[in-house]
């Protein structure tokens, strides 16, 4: 089938982001093979970053090693050399041949293998400003320098994102204001417009605003379009995350396409592209 990269609908292109580097639901997360494939095809792909003991970043989602890797304990307490020897796990928890990568490993791999001019790699920083040390900050800039034009750095703490981005001139940034009980609070207050206004003020330099898709649809359900005001400021909108392709999620994706979101994060880009087409 055609590579699952984007969907064209009513003159608007919506990218399908390969969540945690997965093309299809059965893929293990964060493997170099899949990330290289995505970037060569010109896809949008996301990986997560957490800080390790040697003041750098590992390409992992969890702060603990046990679920995603063959290691144990906190990533923060684990040395870079040890991380590189750990294997990733598949969806059933079984070890796979692929090993954990550090940020510098991934960037060097992509610089060597080459990337499509349209490809975009999202680096989603899972920690906050308090976690940053001078070594983490300087190491980030050195690691990403070969790929600046193909990267977007995102997270929920925009002060942390701005600090890291300061060492990588020209890198795009994004902001995710959705955390904790945001949907429940918004449903209680109904202040969807205020929520978006605050997000835009908090992250004035962010090119992409990442929103939980259920927040976008909850707002639409009460007659409020929260995508349009973001577009009005020249920013783009990512709706996250469609984990499984089902009749229910297909209907939700159709609503997101009508709202003209710019990107949909999904664990199954291939399955979703096939279902929508």
Protein backbone atom coordinates (compact mmCIF):
# COMPACT_ATOMS: atom_id res chain seq x y z
CA UNK A 1 0.00 0.00 0.00
CA UNK A 2 0.98 3.66 -0.28
CA UNK A 3 3.08 4.81 2.66
CA UNK A 4 0.81 6.11 5.48
CA UNK A 5 2.00 9.70 5.55
CA UNK A 6 -1.00 12.00 5.20
CA UNK A 7 -4.69 12.26 4.29
CA UNK A 8 -6.07 14.81 1.83
CA UNK A 9 -9.58 16.01 2.65
CA UNK A 10 -11.45 19.02 1.23
CA UNK A 11 -8.25 20.70 0.11
CA UNK A 12 -6.52 20.27 3.47
CA UNK A 13 -3.64 17.92 4.21
CA UNK A 14 -3.55 16.16 7.58
CA UNK A 15 -0.35 14.32 8.41
CA UNK A 16 -0.42 10.94 10.16
CA UNK A 17 2.26 10.99 12.82
CA UNK A 18 3.99 7.69 13.58
CA UNK A 19 3.62 7.67 17.37
CA UNK A 20 6.77 6.41 19.11
CA UNK A 21 8.16 5.44 15.71
CA UNK A 22 5.45 2.91 14.86
CA UNK A 23 4.12 2.34 11.33
CA UNK A 24 1.64 -0.30 12.45
CA UNK A 25 0.18 -1.36 15.79
CA UNK A 26 2.27 -4.54 15.97
CA UNK A 27 5.56 -2.64 15.82
CA UNK A 28 7.74 -2.28 18.92
CA UNK A 29 8.40 1.33 19.85
CA UNK A 30 11.50 3.44 19.16
CA UNK A 31 13.37 1.08 16.80
CA UNK A 32 15.96 2.71 14.59
CA UNK A 33 14.77 0.69 11.60
CA UNK A 34 11.24 2.12 11.66
CA UNK A 35 12.34 5.67 12.44
CA UNK A 36 14.80 5.63 9.53
CA UNK A 37 12.04 4.27 7.26
CA UNK A 38 9.64 7.03 8.31
CA UNK A 39 12.16 9.79 7.82
CA UNK A 40 13.21 8.48 4.42
CA UNK A 41 9.57 8.38 3.30
CA UNK A 42 8.93 11.96 4.40
CA UNK A 43 6.63 11.05 7.27
CA UNK A 44 6.02 12.79 10.58
CA UNK A 45 7.34 10.64 13.43
CA UNK A 46 7.52 11.10 17.20
CA UNK A 47 9.97 9.87 19.81
CA UNK A 48 10.18 10.66 23.52
CA UNK A 49 13.16 11.83 25.54
CA UNK A 50 14.00 11.24 29.20
CA UNK A 51 17.19 12.14 31.07
CA UNK A 52 19.75 9.48 32.01
CA UNK A 53 22.49 9.39 34.67
CA UNK A 54 25.19 10.87 32.41
CA UNK A 55 23.19 14.06 31.80
CA UNK A 56 21.95 13.20 28.34
CA UNK A 57 18.68 11.99 26.86
CA UNK A 58 17.52 8.45 26.15
CA UNK A 59 14.89 7.72 23.49
CA UNK A 60 12.29 6.31 25.88
CA UNK A 61 8.86 7.33 27.15
CA UNK A 62 8.86 6.06 30.74
CA UNK A 63 11.00 7.36 33.58
CA UNK A 64 11.39 3.71 34.64
CA UNK A 65 13.08 1.07 32.47
CA UNK A 66 11.08 -2.03 33.32
CA UNK A 67 8.14 -1.80 30.88
CA UNK A 68 9.90 -0.66 27.72
CA UNK A 69 13.30 -2.34 28.06
CA UNK A 70 15.16 -5.31 29.52
CA UNK A 71 16.54 -3.03 32.23
CA UNK A 72 15.27 -2.19 35.70
CA UNK A 73 15.06 0.94 37.81
CA UNK A 74 15.02 4.61 36.87
CA UNK A 75 16.40 5.91 33.62
CA UNK A 76 17.78 8.85 35.64
CA UNK A 77 19.98 6.42 37.62
CA UNK A 78 21.26 4.48 34.59
CA UNK A 79 24.48 5.28 32.75
CA UNK A 80 24.56 5.85 28.99
CA UNK A 81 26.75 2.80 28.37
CA UNK A 82 24.33 0.58 30.28
CA UNK A 83 21.31 1.94 28.41
CA UNK A 84 22.91 1.18 25.05
CA UNK A 85 23.16 -2.50 26.02
CA UNK A 86 19.47 -2.83 26.92
CA UNK A 87 16.99 -4.32 24.47
CA UNK A 88 13.58 -2.84 23.78
CA UNK A 89 10.44 -4.90 24.41
CA UNK A 90 7.53 -5.59 22.06
CA UNK A 91 3.85 -5.09 22.87
CA UNK A 92 3.75 -8.38 24.79
CA UNK A 93 6.83 -7.53 26.84
CA UNK A 94 9.21 -9.80 24.93
CA UNK A 95 12.73 -8.51 24.19
CA UNK A 96 13.42 -7.61 20.56
CA UNK A 97 16.81 -7.31 18.80
CA UNK A 98 16.67 -3.50 18.74
CA UNK A 99 18.46 -1.75 21.58
CA UNK A 100 17.82 1.50 23.42
CA UNK A 101 19.15 4.57 21.62
CA UNK A 102 20.35 7.81 23.08
CA UNK A 103 19.43 11.09 21.41
CA UNK A 104 22.89 11.46 19.89
CA UNK A 105 22.72 7.91 18.53
CA UNK A 106 19.41 8.57 16.79
CA UNK A 107 20.53 11.89 15.31
CA UNK A 108 23.79 10.39 14.04
CA UNK A 109 21.87 7.46 12.54
CA UNK A 110 19.49 9.73 10.65
CA UNK A 111 22.27 12.05 9.51
CA UNK A 112 24.08 9.02 8.10
CA UNK A 113 21.04 7.36 6.51
CA UNK A 114 19.51 10.57 5.12
CA UNK A 115 16.05 12.07 5.54
CA UNK A 116 13.37 13.25 3.12
CA UNK A 117 12.96 17.01 2.84
CA UNK A 118 9.36 16.72 4.12
CA UNK A 119 10.16 14.47 7.08
CA UNK A 120 9.63 15.80 10.59
CA UNK A 121 10.93 14.17 13.76
CA UNK A 122 9.20 15.29 16.95
CA UNK A 123 11.36 15.11 20.06
CA UNK A 124 8.87 15.03 22.93
CA UNK A 125 10.67 15.94 26.15
CA UNK A 126 8.94 14.13 29.01
CA UNK A 127 10.52 16.02 31.91
CA UNK A 128 10.41 19.59 33.23
CA UNK A 129 12.68 22.58 33.69
CA UNK A 130 13.84 21.38 37.13
CA UNK A 131 15.29 18.25 35.54
CA UNK A 132 17.65 20.17 33.27
CA UNK A 133 21.33 20.49 34.09
CA UNK A 134 23.88 22.54 32.12
CA UNK A 135 25.27 19.29 30.69
CA UNK A 136 21.83 18.13 29.50
CA UNK A 137 21.21 21.48 27.84
CA UNK A 138 24.56 21.73 26.07
CA UNK A 139 24.48 18.06 25.10
CA UNK A 140 21.07 18.51 23.51
CA UNK A 141 22.33 21.22 21.17
CA UNK A 142 25.35 19.19 20.15
CA UNK A 143 23.26 16.07 19.50
CA UNK A 144 20.60 17.65 17.29
CA UNK A 145 22.81 20.00 15.29
CA UNK A 146 23.04 17.74 12.18
CA UNK A 147 19.23 17.61 11.81
CA UNK A 148 17.89 21.01 12.92
CA UNK A 149 15.66 21.57 9.89
CA UNK A 150 13.95 18.18 10.29
CA UNK A 151 13.15 18.46 13.99
CA UNK A 152 10.48 19.89 16.27
CA UNK A 153 11.06 19.92 20.03
CA UNK A 154 7.91 19.65 22.16
CA UNK A 155 6.75 19.14 25.71
CA UNK A 156 4.40 20.21 28.45
CA UNK A 157 6.84 22.58 30.18
CA UNK A 158 7.53 25.31 27.66
CA UNK A 159 10.23 26.88 29.83
CA UNK A 160 12.16 23.61 29.54
CA UNK A 161 11.55 23.50 25.79
CA UNK A 162 12.72 27.09 25.32
CA UNK A 163 15.86 26.40 27.37
CA UNK A 164 16.80 23.36 25.29
CA UNK A 165 15.92 25.11 22.03
CA UNK A 166 18.27 27.94 22.95
CA UNK A 167 21.21 25.63 22.25
CA UNK A 168 19.85 24.63 18.83
CA UNK A 169 19.23 27.81 16.80
CA UNK A 170 16.54 27.30 14.18
CA UNK A 171 14.86 24.28 15.76
CA UNK A 172 11.05 24.39 15.68
CA UNK A 173 9.19 24.08 18.98
CA UNK A 174 5.77 22.83 20.04
CA UNK A 175 3.67 22.94 23.20
CA UNK A 176 1.25 20.50 24.80
CA UNK A 177 -1.04 22.11 27.40
CA UNK A 178 -2.98 18.88 28.05
CA UNK A 179 -2.01 17.20 31.29
CA UNK A 180 -3.57 15.55 34.31
CA UNK A 181 -7.29 16.15 34.47
CA UNK A 182 -7.41 18.84 31.76
CA UNK A 183 -10.41 17.34 29.97
CA UNK A 184 -12.40 16.94 33.20
CA UNK A 185 -11.61 20.53 34.22
CA UNK A 186 -12.59 21.86 30.80
CA UNK A 187 -15.84 19.91 30.78
CA UNK A 188 -16.61 21.33 34.22
CA UNK A 189 -15.80 24.95 33.32
CA UNK A 190 -16.59 24.95 29.60
CA UNK A 191 -13.79 27.48 29.12
CA UNK A 192 -12.30 25.93 25.99
CA UNK A 193 -11.49 29.29 24.41
CA UNK A 194 -9.68 30.45 27.55
CA UNK A 195 -7.72 27.20 27.58
CA UNK A 196 -6.45 27.81 24.06
CA UNK A 197 -5.76 31.50 24.68
CA UNK A 198 -3.63 30.58 27.69
CA UNK A 199 -1.73 27.95 25.69
CA UNK A 200 -0.88 30.47 22.99
CA UNK A 201 0.32 33.00 25.56
CA UNK A 202 2.37 30.38 27.42
CA UNK A 203 4.20 29.27 24.29
CA UNK A 204 4.44 32.30 22.01
CA UNK A 205 7.12 30.72 19.83
CA UNK A 206 5.53 27.28 19.44
CA UNK A 207 4.77 26.36 15.84
CA UNK A 208 2.62 23.36 16.79
CA UNK A 209 0.05 23.02 19.57
CA UNK A 210 -0.49 19.41 20.65
CA UNK A 211 -4.01 18.71 21.91
CA UNK A 212 -5.59 15.52 23.22
CA UNK A 213 -8.12 14.62 20.54
CA UNK A 214 -10.90 14.11 23.08
CA UNK A 215 -10.52 17.74 24.18
CA UNK A 216 -10.88 18.91 20.57
CA UNK A 217 -13.98 16.77 20.08
CA UNK A 218 -15.49 17.68 23.47
CA UNK A 219 -15.23 21.35 22.51
CA UNK A 220 -16.76 20.67 19.11
CA UNK A 221 -19.57 18.81 20.84
CA UNK A 222 -20.64 22.02 22.57
CA UNK A 223 -20.24 24.10 19.42
CA UNK A 224 -16.72 25.45 19.97
CA UNK A 225 -13.98 25.08 17.35
CA UNK A 226 -10.63 25.26 19.16
CA UNK A 227 -8.61 24.48 16.04
CA UNK A 228 -9.55 27.66 14.15
CA UNK A 229 -8.13 30.16 16.70
CA UNK A 230 -4.81 28.32 16.66
CA UNK A 231 -4.74 28.44 12.87
CA UNK A 232 -5.59 32.15 13.04
CA UNK A 233 -2.23 32.75 14.78
CA UNK A 234 -0.33 30.86 12.10
CA UNK A 235 0.22 27.75 14.24
CA UNK A 236 -0.58 24.13 13.46
CA UNK A 237 -2.57 21.59 15.50
CA UNK A 238 -1.68 18.00 16.34
CA UNK A 239 -4.48 15.78 17.72
CA UNK A 240 -3.21 12.92 19.89
CA UNK A 241 -3.43 9.87 20.16
CA UNK A 242 -5.54 7.39 18.17
CA UNK A 243 -4.29 4.15 19.70
CA UNK A 244 -6.52 1.65 17.89
CA UNK A 245 -8.43 1.73 14.62
CA UNK A 246 -12.07 0.89 15.39
CA UNK A 247 -15.42 2.08 14.02
CA UNK A 248 -15.58 4.53 16.93
CA UNK A 249 -12.11 6.00 16.35
CA UNK A 250 -12.68 6.18 12.58
CA UNK A 251 -15.76 8.32 13.24
CA UNK A 252 -13.68 10.49 15.61
CA UNK A 253 -10.95 10.89 12.99
CA UNK A 254 -13.55 11.98 10.43
CA UNK A 255 -14.62 14.74 12.82
CA UNK A 256 -10.99 15.78 13.31
CA UNK A 257 -10.53 15.93 9.54
CA UNK A 258 -13.59 18.16 9.23
CA UNK A 259 -12.02 20.50 11.80
CA UNK A 260 -8.86 20.57 9.64
CA UNK A 261 -6.36 19.45 12.24
CA UNK A 262 -2.90 19.44 10.69
CA UNK A 263 -1.69 16.20 12.19
CA UNK A 264 -3.14 13.13 13.88
CA UNK A 265 -0.93 11.10 16.17
CA UNK A 266 -1.59 7.39 15.93
CA UNK A 267 -0.06 4.07 16.96
CA UNK A 268 -1.33 2.55 13.70
CA UNK A 269 -0.73 4.96 10.80
CA UNK A 270 -0.98 2.15 8.26
CA UNK A 271 -4.25 0.79 9.63
CA UNK A 272 -5.76 4.25 9.96
CA UNK A 273 -4.78 5.32 6.43
CA UNK A 274 -6.30 2.13 5.04
CA UNK A 275 -9.52 2.55 7.02
CA UNK A 276 -10.00 6.19 6.03
CA UNK A 277 -9.18 5.63 2.37
